[in-house]
C-alpha atoms as a PDB file:
ATOM      1  CA  UNK A   1      -0.074  -0.008  -0.020  1.00  0.00           C
ATOM      2  CA  UNK A   2       1.148   3.342  -0.773  1.00  0.00           C
ATOM      3  CA  UNK A   3       1.938   5.969   2.431  1.00  0.00           C
ATOM      4  CA  UNK A   4      -0.610   8.732   2.632  1.00  0.00           C
ATOM      5  CA  UNK A   5      -0.269  12.050   4.411  1.00  0.00           C
ATOM      6  CA  UNK A   6      -3.119  14.291   5.187  1.00  0.00           C
ATOM      7  CA  UNK A   7      -2.744  17.568   5.712  1.00  0.00           C
ATOM      8  CA  UNK A   8      -5.349  19.437   7.815  1.00  0.00           C
ATOM      9  CA  UNK A   9      -6.047  22.719   9.829  1.00  0.00           C
ATOM     10  CA  UNK A  10      -9.115  22.155  11.740  1.00  0.00           C
ATOM     11  CA  UNK A  11     -11.693  19.597  13.019  1.00  0.00           C
ATOM     12  CA  UNK A  12     -10.545  16.707  10.594  1.00  0.00           C
ATOM     13  CA  UNK A  13     -14.104  15.726   9.670  1.00  0.00           C
ATOM     14  CA  UNK A  14     -12.803  14.726   5.969  1.00  0.00           C
ATOM     15  CA  UNK A  15      -9.944  13.212   7.622  1.00  0.00           C
ATOM     16  CA  UNK A  16     -12.335  10.909   9.773  1.00  0.00           C
ATOM     17  CA  UNK A  17     -14.144  10.053   6.595  1.00  0.00           C
ATOM     18  CA  UNK A  18     -10.729   8.905   5.164  1.00  0.00           C
ATOM     19  CA  UNK A  19     -10.031   6.658   8.363  1.00  0.00           C
ATOM     20  CA  UNK A  20     -13.427   5.286   8.228  1.00  0.00           C
ATOM     21  CA  UNK A  21     -13.104   4.315   4.620  1.00  0.00           C
ATOM     22  CA  UNK A  22      -9.911   2.659   5.247  1.00  0.00           C
ATOM     23  CA  UNK A  23     -11.837   0.628   8.159  1.00  0.00           C
ATOM     24  CA  UNK A  24     -14.549  -0.460   5.699  1.00  0.00           C
ATOM     25  CA  UNK A  25     -12.402  -1.358   2.855  1.00  0.00           C
ATOM     26  CA  UNK A  26     -13.326   1.653   0.626  1.00  0.00           C
ATOM     27  CA  UNK A  27      -9.516   2.608   0.668  1.00  0.00           C
ATOM     28  CA  UNK A  28      -7.334  -0.532   0.085  1.00  0.00           C
ATOM     29  CA  UNK A  29      -4.220   0.834  -2.161  1.00  0.00           C
ATOM     30  CA  UNK A  30      -2.865   3.058   0.203  1.00  0.00           C
ATOM     31  CA  UNK A  31      -2.925   3.618   4.072  1.00  0.00           C
ATOM     32  CA  UNK A  32      -2.764   6.909   6.157  1.00  0.00           C
ATOM     33  CA  UNK A  33       0.552   7.089   7.847  1.00  0.00           C
ATOM     34  CA  UNK A  34       0.962  10.816   8.712  1.00  0.00           C
ATOM     35  CA  UNK A  35      -1.484  13.680   9.648  1.00  0.00           C
ATOM     36  CA  UNK A  36       0.079  17.030   9.546  1.00  0.00           C
ATOM     37  CA  UNK A  37      -1.325  20.257  10.729  1.00  0.00           C
ATOM     38  CA  UNK A  38      -0.293  23.850  10.721  1.00  0.00           C
ATOM     39  CA  UNK A  39      -2.343  24.494  13.678  1.00  0.00           C
ATOM     40  CA  UNK A  40      -1.417  22.656  16.924  1.00  0.00           C
ATOM     41  CA  UNK A  41      -4.786  22.947  18.299  1.00  0.00           C
ATOM     42  CA  UNK A  42      -6.378  21.214  15.348  1.00  0.00           C
ATOM     43  CA  UNK A  43      -8.940  18.401  16.752  1.00  0.00           C
ATOM     44  CA  UNK A  44      -8.016  16.332  13.686  1.00  0.00           C
ATOM     45  CA  UNK A  45      -4.639  15.424  15.397  1.00  0.00           C
ATOM     46  CA  UNK A  46      -6.775  13.855  18.234  1.00  0.00           C
ATOM     47  CA  UNK A  47      -8.537  11.865  15.672  1.00  0.00           C
ATOM     48  CA  UNK A  48      -5.306  10.734  13.996  1.00  0.00           C
ATOM     49  CA  UNK A  49      -3.863   9.939  17.651  1.00  0.00           C
ATOM     50  CA  UNK A  50      -6.985   7.882  18.469  1.00  0.00           C
ATOM     51  CA  UNK A  51      -6.564   5.772  15.407  1.00  0.00           C
ATOM     52  CA  UNK A  52      -2.685   5.206  15.814  1.00  0.00           C
ATOM     53  CA  UNK A  53      -1.721   7.557  13.121  1.00  0.00           C
ATOM     54  CA  UNK A  54       1.566   9.689  13.608  1.00  0.00           C
ATOM     55  CA  UNK A  55       1.021  13.379  13.617  1.00  0.00           C
ATOM     56  CA  UNK A  56       3.094  16.256  13.130  1.00  0.00           C
ATOM     57  CA  UNK A  57       2.678  20.381  13.528  1.00  0.00           C
ATOM     58  CA  UNK A  58       4.496  22.804  11.390  1.00  0.00           C
ATOM     59  CA  UNK A  59       3.279  26.397  12.194  1.00  0.00           C
ATOM     60  CA  UNK A  60       3.747  28.774   9.542  1.00  0.00           C
ATOM     61  CA  UNK A  61       3.814  31.810  12.007  1.00  0.00           C
ATOM     62  CA  UNK A  62       6.839  30.450  13.779  1.00  0.00           C
ATOM     63  CA  UNK A  63       8.842  29.967  10.864  1.00  0.00           C
ATOM     64  CA  UNK A  64      11.246  32.486   9.843  1.00  0.00           C
ATOM     65  CA  UNK A  65       9.672  32.864   6.253  1.00  0.00           C
ATOM     66  CA  UNK A  66       7.209  31.087   3.667  1.00  0.00           C
ATOM     67  CA  UNK A  67      10.665  29.223   2.462  1.00  0.00           C
ATOM     68  CA  UNK A  68      11.386  27.722   5.912  1.00  0.00           C
ATOM     69  CA  UNK A  69       7.816  26.509   6.170  1.00  0.00           C
ATOM     70  CA  UNK A  70       7.874  24.841   2.885  1.00  0.00           C
ATOM     71  CA  UNK A  71      11.392  23.321   3.620  1.00  0.00           C
ATOM     72  CA  UNK A  72      10.168  21.949   6.709  1.00  0.00           C
ATOM     73  CA  UNK A  73       7.003  20.613   5.517  1.00  0.00           C
ATOM     74  CA  UNK A  74       8.788  18.686   2.404  1.00  0.00           C
ATOM     75  CA  UNK A  75      11.434  17.272   5.142  1.00  0.00           C
ATOM     76  CA  UNK A  76       8.510  15.757   7.205  1.00  0.00           C
ATOM     77  CA  UNK A  77       6.773  14.116   4.191  1.00  0.00           C
ATOM     78  CA  UNK A  78      10.118  12.736   2.897  1.00  0.00           C
ATOM     79  CA  UNK A  79      11.096  11.382   6.327  1.00  0.00           C
ATOM     80  CA  UNK A  80       7.853   9.648   6.446  1.00  0.00           C
ATOM     81  CA  UNK A  81       8.024   8.358   2.927  1.00  0.00           C
ATOM     82  CA  UNK A  82       4.769   9.947   1.858  1.00  0.00           C
ATOM     83  CA  UNK A  83       3.851   9.187  -1.753  1.00  0.00           C
ATOM     84  CA  UNK A  84       0.234  10.833  -1.946  1.00  0.00           C
ATOM     85  CA  UNK A  85      -0.873  13.850  -0.331  1.00  0.00           C
ATOM     86  CA  UNK A  86      -4.244  14.884   0.529  1.00  0.00           C
ATOM     87  CA  UNK A  87      -5.360  18.286   1.680  1.00  0.00           C
ATOM     88  CA  UNK A  88      -8.299  17.757   3.692  1.00  0.00           C
ATOM     89  CA  UNK A  89      -9.303  21.177   4.878  1.00  0.00           C
ATOM     90  CA  UNK A  90      -5.773  22.458   4.996  1.00  0.00           C
ATOM     91  CA  UNK A  91      -6.050  26.378   5.169  1.00  0.00           C
ATOM     92  CA  UNK A  92      -2.489  27.387   3.896  1.00  0.00           C
ATOM     93  CA  UNK A  93      -1.637  28.000   0.296  1.00  0.00           C
ATOM     94  CA  UNK A  94       1.359  25.599  -0.630  1.00  0.00           C
ATOM     95  CA  UNK A  95       4.366  26.968  -2.798  1.00  0.00           C
ATOM     96  CA  UNK A  96       5.317  25.935  -6.440  1.00  0.00           C
ATOM     97  CA  UNK A  97       8.182  23.983  -4.773  1.00  0.00           C
ATOM     98  CA  UNK A  98       5.859  21.763  -2.554  1.00  0.00           C
ATOM     99  CA  UNK A  99       3.597  21.348  -5.258  1.00  0.00           C
ATOM    100  CA  UNK A 100       6.006  20.244  -7.961  1.00  0.00           C
ATOM    101  CA  UNK A 101       7.204  17.620  -5.731  1.00  0.00           C
ATOM    102  CA  UNK A 102       3.850  15.512  -5.804  1.00  0.00           C
ATOM    103  CA  UNK A 103       2.980  15.822  -9.363  1.00  0.00           C
ATOM    104  CA  UNK A 104      -0.418  14.417  -9.978  1.00  0.00           C
ATOM    105  CA  UNK A 105      -0.107  12.857  -6.180  1.00  0.00           C
ATOM    106  CA  UNK A 106      -1.420  15.681  -4.431  1.00  0.00           C
ATOM    107  CA  UNK A 107      -4.886  16.267  -4.292  1.00  0.00           C
ATOM    108  CA  UNK A 108      -7.545  18.531  -2.528  1.00  0.00           C
ATOM    109  CA  UNK A 109     -11.135  18.570  -1.650  1.00  0.00           C
ATOM    110  CA  UNK A 110     -13.341  21.935  -2.192  1.00  0.00           C
ATOM    111  CA  UNK A 111     -16.726  22.597  -1.134  1.00  0.00           C
ATOM    112  CA  UNK A 112     -18.327  23.619  -4.513  1.00  0.00           C
ATOM    113  CA  UNK A 113     -18.644  22.566  -8.117  1.00  0.00           C
ATOM    114  CA  UNK A 114     -15.405  23.951  -9.776  1.00  0.00           C
ATOM    115  CA  UNK A 115     -15.088  26.261 -11.558  1.00  0.00           C
ATOM    116  CA  UNK A 116     -17.881  27.659  -9.246  1.00  0.00           C
ATOM    117  CA  UNK A 117     -17.203  29.530  -6.122  1.00  0.00           C
ATOM    118  CA  UNK A 118     -13.493  28.507  -5.914  1.00  0.00           C
ATOM    119  CA  UNK A 119      -9.916  30.198  -6.000  1.00  0.00           C
ATOM    120  CA  UNK A 120      -8.640  32.533  -3.697  1.00  0.00           C
ATOM    121  CA  UNK A 121     -10.520  33.520  -0.769  1.00  0.00           C
ATOM    122  CA  UNK A 122     -12.996  30.796  -1.358  1.00  0.00           C
ATOM    123  CA  UNK A 123     -12.787  28.330   1.747  1.00  0.00           C
ATOM    124  CA  UNK A 124     -14.909  27.193   4.547  1.00  0.00           C
ATOM    125  CA  UNK A 125     -18.176  28.906   5.254  1.00  0.00           C
ATOM    126  CA  UNK A 126     -17.411  31.564   2.690  1.00  0.00           C
ATOM    127  CA  UNK A 127     -18.015  29.254   0.070  1.00  0.00           C
ATOM    128  CA  UNK A 128     -21.403  28.336   1.040  1.00  0.00           C
ATOM    129  CA  UNK A 129     -22.155  32.034   2.054  1.00  0.00           C
ATOM    130  CA  UNK A 130     -21.411  33.001  -1.628  1.00  0.00           C
ATOM    131  CA  UNK A 131     -23.527  30.102  -2.978  1.00  0.00           C
ATOM    132  CA  UNK A 132     -26.542  31.294  -0.828  1.00  0.00           C
ATOM    133  CA  UNK A 133     -25.978  34.995  -1.799  1.00  0.00           C
ATOM    134  CA  UNK A 134     -25.794  33.919  -5.683  1.00  0.00           C
ATOM    135  CA  UNK A 135     -29.065  31.988  -5.220  1.00  0.00           C
ATOM    136  CA  UNK A 136     -27.839  28.863  -7.045  1.00  0.00           C
ATOM    137  CA  UNK A 137     -29.899  25.618  -6.876  1.00  0.00           C
ATOM    138  CA  UNK A 138     -27.238  23.053  -7.148  1.00  0.00           C
ATOM    139  CA  UNK A 139     -23.749  22.959  -5.571  1.00  0.00           C
ATOM    140  CA  UNK A 140     -21.494  20.284  -4.144  1.00  0.00           C
ATOM    141  CA  UNK A 141     -17.942  19.398  -3.845  1.00  0.00           C
ATOM    142  CA  UNK A 142     -14.977  18.690  -5.957  1.00  0.00           C
ATOM    143  CA  UNK A 143     -11.870  16.487  -5.524  1.00  0.00           C
ATOM    144  CA  UNK A 144      -9.072  17.887  -7.865  1.00  0.00           C
ATOM    145  CA  UNK A 145      -5.130  17.686  -8.230  1.00  0.00           C
ATOM    146  CA  UNK A 146      -3.312  20.391  -6.793  1.00  0.00           C
ATOM    147  CA  UNK A 147      -1.634  22.939  -8.974  1.00  0.00           C
ATOM    148  CA  UNK A 148       0.187  26.238  -8.920  1.00  0.00           C
ATOM    149  CA  UNK A 149      -3.245  27.789  -9.042  1.00  0.00           C
ATOM    150  CA  UNK A 150      -5.539  27.672  -6.244  1.00  0.00           C
ATOM    151  CA  UNK A 151      -8.370  25.103  -6.948  1.00  0.00           C
ATOM    152  CA  UNK A 152      -6.909  25.254 -10.555  1.00  0.00           C
ATOM    153  CA  UNK A 153      -5.772  21.664 -11.053  1.00  0.00           C
ATOM    154  CA  UNK A 154      -7.595  18.729 -13.104  1.00  0.00           C
ATOM    155  CA  UNK A 155     -10.710  17.774 -11.749  1.00  0.00           C
ATOM    156  CA  UNK A 156     -10.803  14.110 -10.568  1.00  0.00           C
ATOM    157  CA  UNK A 157     -14.334  13.525  -9.133  1.00  0.00           C
ATOM    158  CA  UNK A 158     -17.475  15.628  -8.257  1.00  0.00           C
ATOM    159  CA  UNK A 159     -20.838  15.041  -6.773  1.00  0.00           C
ATOM    160  CA  UNK A 160     -23.948  17.706  -7.019  1.00  0.00           C
ATOM    161  CA  UNK A 161     -25.928  18.458  -3.619  1.00  0.00           C
ATOM    162  CA  UNK A 162     -29.256  20.318  -3.666  1.00  0.00           C
ATOM    163  CA  UNK A 163     -29.524  23.854  -2.098  1.00  0.00           C
ATOM    164  CA  UNK A 164     -32.894  23.690  -0.221  1.00  0.00           C
ATOM    165  CA  UNK A 165     -35.407  26.557   0.733  1.00  0.00           C
ATOM    166  CA  UNK A 166     -34.195  28.180   4.094  1.00  0.00           C
ATOM    167  CA  UNK A 167     -30.690  26.719   4.052  1.00  0.00           C
ATOM    168  CA  UNK A 168     -27.949  28.774   6.179  1.00  0.00           C
ATOM    169  CA  UNK A 169     -24.339  28.483   5.175  1.00  0.00           C
ATOM    170  CA  UNK A 170     -24.065  26.146   8.225  1.00  0.00           C
ATOM    171  CA  UNK A 171     -26.765  23.929   7.137  1.00  0.00           C
ATOM    172  CA  UNK A 172     -25.597  23.656   3.539  1.00  0.00           C
ATOM    173  CA  UNK A 173     -22.051  23.250   4.888  1.00  0.00           C
ATOM    174  CA  UNK A 174     -23.260  20.151   6.608  1.00  0.00           C
ATOM    175  CA  UNK A 175     -25.353  18.795   3.795  1.00  0.00           C
ATOM    176  CA  UNK A 176     -22.327  19.174   1.250  1.00  0.00           C
ATOM    177  CA  UNK A 177     -19.872  17.239   3.695  1.00  0.00           C
ATOM    178  CA  UNK A 178     -22.318  14.586   4.353  1.00  0.00           C
ATOM    179  CA  UNK A 179     -23.875  13.989   0.973  1.00  0.00           C
ATOM    180  CA  UNK A 180     -20.854  14.827  -1.193  1.00  0.00           C
ATOM    181  CA  UNK A 181     -17.302  15.456   0.513  1.00  0.00           C
ATOM    182  CA  UNK A 182     -17.190  12.350   2.721  1.00  0.00           C
ATOM    183  CA  UNK A 183     -18.313  10.132  -0.137  1.00  0.00           C
ATOM    184  CA  UNK A 184     -16.085  11.237  -3.075  1.00  0.00           C
ATOM    185  CA  UNK A 185     -12.918  12.310  -1.105  1.00  0.00           C
ATOM    186  CA  UNK A 186     -12.431   8.481  -0.039  1.00  0.00           C
ATOM    187  CA  UNK A 187     -13.266   7.208  -3.511  1.00  0.00           C
ATOM    188  CA  UNK A 188     -10.855   9.465  -5.165  1.00  0.00           C
ATOM    189  CA  UNK A 189      -7.970   8.899  -2.769  1.00  0.00           C
ATOM    190  CA  UNK A 190      -8.536   4.880  -3.742  1.00  0.00           C
ATOM    191  CA  UNK A 191      -8.555   5.861  -7.229  1.00  0.00           C
ATOM    192  CA  UNK A 192      -5.352   7.742  -7.284  1.00  0.00           C
ATOM    193  CA  UNK A 193      -3.566   5.270  -5.057  1.00  0.00           C
ATOM    194  CA  UNK A 194      -4.546   2.490  -7.268  1.00  0.00           C
ATOM    195  CA  UNK A 195      -3.822   4.537 -10.391  1.00  0.00           C
ATOM    196  CA  UNK A 196       0.007   5.004  -9.015  1.00  0.00           C
ATOM    197  CA  UNK A 197       0.103   1.362  -7.893  1.00  0.00           C
ATOM    198  CA  UNK A 198      -0.325   0.177 -11.151  1.00  0.00           C
ATOM    199  CA  UNK A 199       2.329   2.572 -12.421  1.00  0.00           C
ATOM    200  CA  UNK A 200       4.873   0.826 -10.117  1.00  0.00           C
ATOM    201  CA  UNK A 201       5.113   3.597  -7.321  1.00  0.00           C
ATOM    202  CA  UNK A 202       5.971   1.648  -4.192  1.00  0.00           C
ATOM    203  CA  UNK A 203       7.279   2.613  -0.568  1.00  0.00           C
ATOM    204  CA  UNK A 204      10.803   2.565  -1.638  1.00  0.00           C
ATOM    205  CA  UNK A 205      10.409   5.388  -4.269  1.00  0.00           C
END
């Protein structure tokens, strides 16, 4: 199985979906061997520890500069022989140097149907607030490869979700997570891992 590193910043609900998918056999071509956060109080770190997964914290604010943060991040990923990187609510833009280290092996989950409501400034509740303000009737989630353009990489998988009368950003966020994010992220991770296994990527590369 390939080594998967999951990057988080908060509660880790998408991380939990991935952990559950491992337990139920949805993800079989890879295993989560590291959870890395840029916030030391992220509850996702607790989820990881409870499931026997190694954790690491690298805070950008305590690094001398962005280059130092990037270097430390890559050093940790290399040290743990991470081959597939999953951004699961990681609220920090990665540099080109980090992205280029994992071409088509770094994926992200975004809470809208890209190319709508994505790019710089669109994250978390802001996405769902914008959806409601615009008055669209269908939203959803997208798993895509990470590129040097925020939310600009090739799409791997999408799932649509209805916007309901009386929705608030919070209720819409929850429905998108339950009906889309927690379903397609594990499926996409398995797809990417299986694809790279078939290409011959193994734990010694």
